[in-house]
Amino acid sequence: MHRKWLWGAFALAAAAEVFLLVWVRGAYRTVEAEGAEYTAPASVQFTADFYDKNYISIHVPIDKAQWTGAAAPAEGEEVYLAVSGGKDKALQVLRAQSALPDGPYLLVRAKRLDGDVLYFDFPADRLYMDAEALRKIPVTELSERVQVKDPDTGRVETRMKNALTASLRVKDGRAVITDLLVNGSPVSAAFTTVGKIADVKYAASGKEKDTVVPMAEGR
């Protein structure tokens, strides 16, 4: 009898896990299909197993907002971010609060409150892609920084070689990343080289051009 109860509990746990997985995927697809469109600045988080995953890890540097609640939220407490869309649908955070906003909003978990500024992690950090599409993305192009002279100040600044922007969908407080734009173009269409076997030699001056350099085997 004890063994039957044990197998029964195992079956219930497995069924609950499957149900949760199906629900999460369904919620993701709903936001992806029906959510309002926004854009946000982004950067790519690289690891040694970059090409072994089915997603790109993306950092959206939206991590703080003015807190307007009466009481400070506890660490890990779910709160609301009132948001809006600016020029080119750029995501703008208006404030953080404990009450449901009248307009568009995001759900985030509070990390800490510093004065009246609430810190949190952006609730979406992955762009899912199939393995073949992911292999065509050269890491160097998404991570390379170049030195650029500011024409107004004359100072030399270090900036990303390519401007990266995340395309987002937001619905009922949930957010999903639907694309990564490289200089305004979808990442899947921005590059034609296979990232796993190609590298880039960058121009050293305005008289030169970037060239693609094959990587040695085993790199």
C-alpha atoms as a PDB file:
ATOM      1  CA  MET A   1       0.000   0.000   0.000  1.00  0.00           C
ATOM      2  CA  HIS A   2       2.822   2.360   0.880  1.00  0.00           C
ATOM      3  CA  ARG A   3       4.375   1.811  -2.550  1.00  0.00           C
ATOM      4  CA  LYS A   4       1.076   2.590  -4.282  1.00  0.00           C
ATOM      5  CA  TRP A   5       0.799   5.872  -2.394  1.00  0.00           C
ATOM      6  CA  LEU A   6       4.379   6.693  -3.342  1.00  0.00           C
ATOM      7  CA  TRP A   7       3.740   6.041  -7.037  1.00  0.00           C
ATOM      8  CA  GLY A   8       0.499   7.998  -6.835  1.00  0.00           C
ATOM      9  CA  ALA A   9       2.260  11.015  -5.339  1.00  0.00           C
ATOM     10  CA  PHE A  10       4.966  10.786  -8.020  1.00  0.00           C
ATOM     11  CA  ALA A  11       2.328  10.704 -10.776  1.00  0.00           C
ATOM     12  CA  LEU A  12       0.540  13.732  -9.329  1.00  0.00           C
ATOM     13  CA  ALA A  13       3.794  15.690  -9.096  1.00  0.00           C
ATOM     14  CA  ALA A  14       4.682  14.817 -12.698  1.00  0.00           C
ATOM     15  CA  ALA A  15       1.206  15.810 -13.905  1.00  0.00           C
ATOM     16  CA  ALA A  16       1.432  19.113 -12.025  1.00  0.00           C
ATOM     17  CA  GLU A  17       4.828  19.839 -13.597  1.00  0.00           C
ATOM     18  CA  VAL A  18       3.512  19.128 -17.085  1.00  0.00           C
ATOM     19  CA  PHE A  19       0.461  21.313 -16.458  1.00  0.00           C
ATOM     20  CA  LEU A  20       2.663  24.172 -15.234  1.00  0.00           C
ATOM     21  CA  LEU A  21       4.926  23.887 -18.280  1.00  0.00           C
ATOM     22  CA  VAL A  22       1.960  23.931 -20.673  1.00  0.00           C
ATOM     23  CA  TRP A  23       0.435  26.896 -18.835  1.00  0.00           C
ATOM     24  CA  VAL A  24       3.678  28.886 -18.917  1.00  0.00           C
ATOM     25  CA  ARG A  25       4.146  28.224 -22.644  1.00  0.00           C
ATOM     26  CA  GLY A  26       0.543  29.148 -23.323  1.00  0.00           C
ATOM     27  CA  ALA A  27       0.872  32.406 -21.387  1.00  0.00           C
ATOM     28  CA  TYR A  28       4.087  33.197 -23.265  1.00  0.00           C
ATOM     29  CA  ARG A  29       2.429  32.618 -26.642  1.00  0.00           C
ATOM     30  CA  THR A  30      -0.552  34.764 -25.656  1.00  0.00           C
ATOM     31  CA  VAL A  31       1.646  37.722 -24.703  1.00  0.00           C
ATOM     32  CA  GLU A  32       3.749  37.207 -27.841  1.00  0.00           C
ATOM     33  CA  ALA A  33       0.676  37.263 -30.090  1.00  0.00           C
ATOM     34  CA  GLU A  34      -1.556  39.809 -28.359  1.00  0.00           C
ATOM     35  CA  GLY A  35       0.717  42.082 -26.330  1.00  0.00           C
ATOM     36  CA  ALA A  36       1.298  45.764 -27.024  1.00  0.00           C
ATOM     37  CA  GLU A  37       4.577  46.475 -28.845  1.00  0.00           C
ATOM     38  CA  TYR A  38       7.473  48.322 -27.232  1.00  0.00           C
ATOM     39  CA  THR A  39      11.224  48.664 -27.735  1.00  0.00           C
ATOM     40  CA  ALA A  40      14.045  49.006 -25.220  1.00  0.00           C
ATOM     41  CA  PRO A  41      17.846  49.280 -25.302  1.00  0.00           C
ATOM     42  CA  ALA A  42      19.564  45.923 -24.855  1.00  0.00           C
ATOM     43  CA  SER A  43      22.849  44.096 -24.584  1.00  0.00           C
ATOM     44  CA  VAL A  44      23.664  40.408 -25.019  1.00  0.00           C
ATOM     45  CA  GLN A  45      24.962  38.317 -22.132  1.00  0.00           C
ATOM     46  CA  PHE A  46      27.612  35.883 -23.401  1.00  0.00           C
ATOM     47  CA  THR A  47      28.684  32.560 -21.908  1.00  0.00           C
ATOM     48  CA  ALA A  48      30.909  29.753 -23.148  1.00  0.00           C
ATOM     49  CA  ASP A  49      27.851  27.689 -24.104  1.00  0.00           C
ATOM     50  CA  PHE A  50      26.261  30.484 -26.158  1.00  0.00           C
ATOM     51  CA  TYR A  51      25.655  28.217 -29.175  1.00  0.00           C
ATOM     52  CA  ASP A  52      24.429  25.287 -27.092  1.00  0.00           C
ATOM     53  CA  LYS A  53      21.190  26.948 -25.991  1.00  0.00           C
ATOM     54  CA  ASN A  54      17.852  27.643 -27.659  1.00  0.00           C
ATOM     55  CA  TYR A  55      17.830  31.293 -26.619  1.00  0.00           C
ATOM     56  CA  ILE A  56      19.943  34.441 -26.423  1.00  0.00           C
ATOM     57  CA  SER A  57      20.369  35.907 -22.936  1.00  0.00           C
ATOM     58  CA  ILE A  58      19.477  39.592 -23.159  1.00  0.00           C
ATOM     59  CA  HIS A  59      19.907  42.350 -20.584  1.00  0.00           C
ATOM     60  CA  VAL A  60      17.433  45.229 -20.681  1.00  0.00           C
ATOM     61  CA  PRO A  61      18.878  48.067 -18.538  1.00  0.00           C
ATOM     62  CA  ILE A  62      15.557  49.112 -17.039  1.00  0.00           C
ATOM     63  CA  ASP A  63      15.980  48.369 -13.351  1.00  0.00           C
ATOM     64  CA  LYS A  64      14.687  51.279 -11.282  1.00  0.00           C
ATOM     65  CA  ALA A  65      11.692  53.579 -10.929  1.00  0.00           C
ATOM     66  CA  GLN A  66      10.263  56.132  -8.516  1.00  0.00           C
ATOM     67  CA  TRP A  67       8.213  54.415  -5.812  1.00  0.00           C
ATOM     68  CA  THR A  68       4.838  55.993  -5.084  1.00  0.00           C
ATOM     69  CA  GLY A  69       3.413  53.489  -2.590  1.00  0.00           C
ATOM     70  CA  ALA A  70       2.641  54.413   1.001  1.00  0.00           C
ATOM     71  CA  ALA A  71       4.729  51.596   2.487  1.00  0.00           C
ATOM     72  CA  ALA A  72       8.015  50.133   1.290  1.00  0.00           C
ATOM     73  CA  PRO A  73       7.597  46.767  -0.475  1.00  0.00           C
ATOM     74  CA  ALA A  74       9.272  43.691   0.978  1.00  0.00           C
ATOM     75  CA  GLU A  75      12.160  42.123  -0.901  1.00  0.00           C
ATOM     76  CA  GLY A  76      10.723  39.818  -3.558  1.00  0.00           C
ATOM     77  CA  GLU A  77       7.241  41.331  -3.343  1.00  0.00           C
ATOM     78  CA  GLU A  78       5.462  41.685  -6.696  1.00  0.00           C
ATOM     79  CA  VAL A  79       4.674  45.309  -7.560  1.00  0.00           C
ATOM     80  CA  TYR A  80       3.434  47.249 -10.582  1.00  0.00           C
ATOM     81  CA  LEU A  81       5.318  49.462 -13.011  1.00  0.00           C
ATOM     82  CA  ALA A  82       3.162  51.969 -14.853  1.00  0.00           C
ATOM     83  CA  VAL A  83       4.590  52.201 -18.389  1.00  0.00           C
ATOM     84  CA  SER A  84       3.989  54.021 -21.651  1.00  0.00           C
ATOM     85  CA  GLY A  85       5.393  54.088 -25.169  1.00  0.00           C
ATOM     86  CA  GLY A  86       7.460  57.026 -26.375  1.00  0.00           C
ATOM     87  CA  LYS A  87       9.068  57.755 -29.731  1.00  0.00           C
ATOM     88  CA  ASP A  88       9.452  54.588 -31.806  1.00  0.00           C
ATOM     89  CA  LYS A  89       7.417  52.790 -29.117  1.00  0.00           C
ATOM     90  CA  ALA A  90      10.319  53.106 -26.664  1.00  0.00           C
ATOM     91  CA  LEU A  91       9.292  51.670 -23.313  1.00  0.00           C
ATOM     92  CA  GLN A  92       9.107  54.355 -20.647  1.00  0.00           C
ATOM     93  CA  VAL A  93       8.652  53.563 -16.962  1.00  0.00           C
ATOM     94  CA  LEU A  94       6.494  56.189 -15.276  1.00  0.00           C
ATOM     95  CA  ARG A  95       6.531  54.935 -11.673  1.00  0.00           C
ATOM     96  CA  ALA A  96       6.401  51.884  -9.419  1.00  0.00           C
ATOM     97  CA  GLN A  97       3.423  51.299  -7.137  1.00  0.00           C
ATOM     98  CA  SER A  98       1.559  48.720  -5.084  1.00  0.00           C
ATOM     99  CA  ALA A  99      -1.838  49.368  -6.704  1.00  0.00           C
ATOM    100  CA  LEU A 100      -2.896  48.262 -10.184  1.00  0.00           C
ATOM    101  CA  PRO A 101      -2.335  51.189 -12.644  1.00  0.00           C
ATOM    102  CA  ASP A 102      -5.124  52.405 -14.931  1.00  0.00           C
ATOM    103  CA  GLY A 103      -3.035  51.955 -18.086  1.00  0.00           C
ATOM    104  CA  PRO A 104      -0.296  49.593 -19.334  1.00  0.00           C
ATOM    105  CA  TYR A 105       1.886  48.025 -16.662  1.00  0.00           C
ATOM    106  CA  LEU A 106       4.575  45.468 -15.895  1.00  0.00           C
ATOM    107  CA  LEU A 107       4.800  43.144 -12.915  1.00  0.00           C
ATOM    108  CA  VAL A 108       8.243  43.054 -11.261  1.00  0.00           C
ATOM    109  CA  ARG A 109       9.670  41.822  -7.982  1.00  0.00           C
ATOM    110  CA  ALA A 110      11.136  44.437  -5.668  1.00  0.00           C
ATOM    111  CA  LYS A 111      14.828  44.128  -4.831  1.00  0.00           C
ATOM    112  CA  ARG A 112      15.342  47.150  -2.591  1.00  0.00           C
ATOM    113  CA  LEU A 113      14.095  50.669  -1.949  1.00  0.00           C
ATOM    114  CA  ASP A 114      16.682  53.446  -1.805  1.00  0.00           C
ATOM    115  CA  GLY A 115      14.905  56.608  -0.701  1.00  0.00           C
ATOM    116  CA  ASP A 116      11.988  56.803  -3.131  1.00  0.00           C
ATOM    117  CA  VAL A 117      13.725  54.782  -5.869  1.00  0.00           C
ATOM    118  CA  LEU A 118      12.751  51.124  -6.244  1.00  0.00           C
ATOM    119  CA  TYR A 119      15.235  48.691  -7.789  1.00  0.00           C
ATOM    120  CA  PHE A 120      14.166  45.526  -9.619  1.00  0.00           C
ATOM    121  CA  ASP A 121      15.198  43.165 -12.417  1.00  0.00           C
ATOM    122  CA  PHE A 122      13.547  43.546 -15.801  1.00  0.00           C
ATOM    123  CA  PRO A 123      11.049  40.680 -16.113  1.00  0.00           C
ATOM    124  CA  ALA A 124      12.148  39.415 -19.560  1.00  0.00           C
ATOM    125  CA  ASP A 125      15.699  38.293 -20.362  1.00  0.00           C
ATOM    126  CA  ARG A 126      15.546  35.720 -23.174  1.00  0.00           C
ATOM    127  CA  LEU A 127      14.981  35.693 -26.915  1.00  0.00           C
ATOM    128  CA  TYR A 128      14.142  32.133 -27.955  1.00  0.00           C
ATOM    129  CA  MET A 129      15.601  30.937 -31.267  1.00  0.00           C
ATOM    130  CA  ASP A 130      16.087  27.614 -32.999  1.00  0.00           C
ATOM    131  CA  ALA A 131      19.614  26.198 -33.133  1.00  0.00           C
ATOM    132  CA  GLU A 132      20.155  26.843 -36.843  1.00  0.00           C
ATOM    133  CA  ALA A 133      19.219  30.525 -36.587  1.00  0.00           C
ATOM    134  CA  LEU A 134      21.347  30.956 -33.471  1.00  0.00           C
ATOM    135  CA  ARG A 135      24.463  29.561 -35.181  1.00  0.00           C
ATOM    136  CA  LYS A 136      24.337  32.340 -37.788  1.00  0.00           C
ATOM    137  CA  ILE A 137      24.827  35.043 -35.177  1.00  0.00           C
ATOM    138  CA  PRO A 138      28.473  36.151 -34.755  1.00  0.00           C
ATOM    139  CA  VAL A 139      29.236  36.885 -31.125  1.00  0.00           C
ATOM    140  CA  THR A 140      31.863  39.435 -32.115  1.00  0.00           C
ATOM    141  CA  GLU A 141      29.321  41.663 -33.857  1.00  0.00           C
ATOM    142  CA  LEU A 142      27.071  41.783 -30.812  1.00  0.00           C
ATOM    143  CA  SER A 143      29.801  42.341 -28.237  1.00  0.00           C
ATOM    144  CA  GLU A 144      32.446  44.445 -29.979  1.00  0.00           C
ATOM    145  CA  ARG A 145      33.071  47.966 -28.723  1.00  0.00           C
ATOM    146  CA  VAL A 146      34.755  50.703 -30.731  1.00  0.00           C
ATOM    147  CA  GLN A 147      36.252  54.075 -29.902  1.00  0.00           C
ATOM    148  CA  VAL A 148      34.382  57.023 -31.365  1.00  0.00           C
ATOM    149  CA  LYS A 149      35.266  60.698 -31.206  1.00  0.00           C
ATOM    150  CA  ASP A 150      32.372  62.854 -30.048  1.00  0.00           C
ATOM    151  CA  PRO A 151      32.093  65.720 -32.602  1.00  0.00           C
ATOM    152  CA  ASP A 152      30.707  68.113 -29.961  1.00  0.00           C
ATOM    153  CA  THR A 153      33.165  67.540 -27.097  1.00  0.00           C
ATOM    154  CA  GLY A 154      36.126  66.148 -29.026  1.00  0.00           C
ATOM    155  CA  ARG A 155      36.445  63.353 -26.490  1.00  0.00           C
ATOM    156  CA  VAL A 156      37.018  59.759 -27.531  1.00  0.00           C
ATOM    157  CA  GLU A 157      34.325  57.472 -26.121  1.00  0.00           C
ATOM    158  CA  THR A 158      33.932  53.695 -26.139  1.00  0.00           C
ATOM    159  CA  ARG A 159      30.617  52.559 -27.571  1.00  0.00           C
ATOM    160  CA  MET A 160      29.036  49.384 -28.898  1.00  0.00           C
ATOM    161  CA  LYS A 161      29.923  48.760 -32.535  1.00  0.00           C
ATOM    162  CA  ASN A 162      26.277  47.998 -33.278  1.00  0.00           C
ATOM    163  CA  ALA A 163      23.202  49.496 -31.639  1.00  0.00           C
ATOM    164  CA  LEU A 164      21.102  46.734 -30.053  1.00  0.00           C
ATOM    165  CA  THR A 165      17.412  47.089 -29.295  1.00  0.00           C
ATOM    166  CA  ALA A 166      14.971  44.563 -27.874  1.00  0.00           C
ATOM    167  CA  SER A 167      11.480  44.292 -29.355  1.00  0.00           C
ATOM    168  CA  LEU A 168       8.976  43.583 -26.589  1.00  0.00           C
ATOM    169  CA  ARG A 169       5.361  42.590 -26.186  1.00  0.00           C
ATOM    170  CA  VAL A 170       3.528  43.452 -22.971  1.00  0.00           C
ATOM    171  CA  LYS A 171       0.148  42.146 -21.829  1.00  0.00           C
ATOM    172  CA  ASP A 172      -1.443  41.890 -18.374  1.00  0.00           C
ATOM    173  CA  GLY A 173       1.826  42.764 -16.690  1.00  0.00           C
ATOM    174  CA  ARG A 174       3.838  40.103 -18.519  1.00  0.00           C
ATOM    175  CA  ALA A 175       6.627  40.875 -20.992  1.00  0.00           C
ATOM    176  CA  VAL A 176       8.341  38.758 -23.636  1.00  0.00           C
ATOM    177  CA  ILE A 177      11.221  39.604 -25.943  1.00  0.00           C
ATOM    178  CA  THR A 178      10.162  38.874 -29.509  1.00  0.00           C
ATOM    179  CA  ASP A 179      13.254  40.029 -31.397  1.00  0.00           C
ATOM    180  CA  LEU A 180      16.678  41.617 -31.099  1.00  0.00           C
ATOM    181  CA  LEU A 181      17.266  44.484 -33.507  1.00  0.00           C
ATOM    182  CA  VAL A 182      20.783  45.246 -34.724  1.00  0.00           C
ATOM    183  CA  ASN A 183      20.923  48.794 -36.052  1.00  0.00           C
ATOM    184  CA  GLY A 184      17.177  48.511 -36.614  1.00  0.00           C
ATOM    185  CA  SER A 185      17.203  45.135 -38.400  1.00  0.00           C
ATOM    186  CA  PRO A 186      16.129  41.767 -36.913  1.00  0.00           C
ATOM    187  CA  VAL A 187      19.174  39.871 -35.640  1.00  0.00           C
ATOM    188  CA  SER A 188      18.270  36.830 -37.759  1.00  0.00           C
ATOM    189  CA  ALA A 189      18.533  38.957 -40.918  1.00  0.00           C
ATOM    190  CA  ALA A 190      21.417  41.218 -39.894  1.00  0.00           C
ATOM    191  CA  PHE A 191      24.197  38.670 -40.418  1.00  0.00           C
ATOM    192  CA  THR A 192      24.891  36.089 -43.114  1.00  0.00           C
ATOM    193  CA  THR A 193      28.073  34.546 -41.713  1.00  0.00           C
ATOM    194  CA  VAL A 194      27.879  31.549 -39.373  1.00  0.00           C
ATOM    195  CA  GLY A 195      28.866  32.817 -35.964  1.00  0.00           C
ATOM    196  CA  LYS A 196      30.515  29.572 -34.912  1.00  0.00           C
ATOM    197  CA  ILE A 197      33.142  29.591 -37.665  1.00  0.00           C
ATOM    198  CA  ALA A 198      33.693  33.233 -38.506  1.00  0.00           C
ATOM    199  CA  ASP A 199      35.295  36.214 -36.849  1.00  0.00           C
ATOM    200  CA  VAL A 200      35.639  39.855 -37.810  1.00  0.00           C
ATOM    201  CA  LYS A 201      38.779  41.931 -38.289  1.00  0.00           C
ATOM    202  CA  TYR A 202      37.798  45.503 -37.520  1.00  0.00           C
ATOM    203  CA  ALA A 203      39.046  48.521 -39.402  1.00  0.00           C
ATOM    204  CA  ALA A 204      41.849  50.417 -37.681  1.00  0.00           C
ATOM    205  CA  SER A 205      41.069  53.680 -39.470  1.00  0.00           C
ATOM    206  CA  GLY A 206      38.517  55.346 -41.697  1.00  0.00           C
ATOM    207  CA  LYS A 207      40.509  54.272 -44.779  1.00  0.00           C
ATOM    208  CA  GLU A 208      40.022  50.565 -44.032  1.00  0.00           C
ATOM    209  CA  LYS A 209      37.011  48.260 -43.986  1.00  0.00           C
ATOM    210  CA  ASP A 210      35.963  45.439 -41.690  1.00  0.00           C
ATOM    211  CA  THR A 211      36.760  41.999 -43.076  1.00  0.00           C
ATOM    212  CA  VAL A 212      35.488  38.538 -42.178  1.00  0.00           C
ATOM    213  CA  VAL A 213      38.266  36.219 -40.986  1.00  0.00           C
ATOM    214  CA  PRO A 214      37.682  32.431 -40.730  1.00  0.00           C
ATOM    215  CA  MET A 215      38.389  31.043 -37.268  1.00  0.00           C
ATOM    216  CA  ALA A 216      40.860  28.237 -36.823  1.00  0.00           C
ATOM    217  CA  GLU A 217      39.365  24.803 -36.179  1.00  0.00           C
ATOM    218  CA  GLY A 218      38.744  24.120 -32.511  1.00  0.00           C
ATOM    219  CA  ARG A 219      38.156  27.746 -31.505  1.00  0.00           C
END
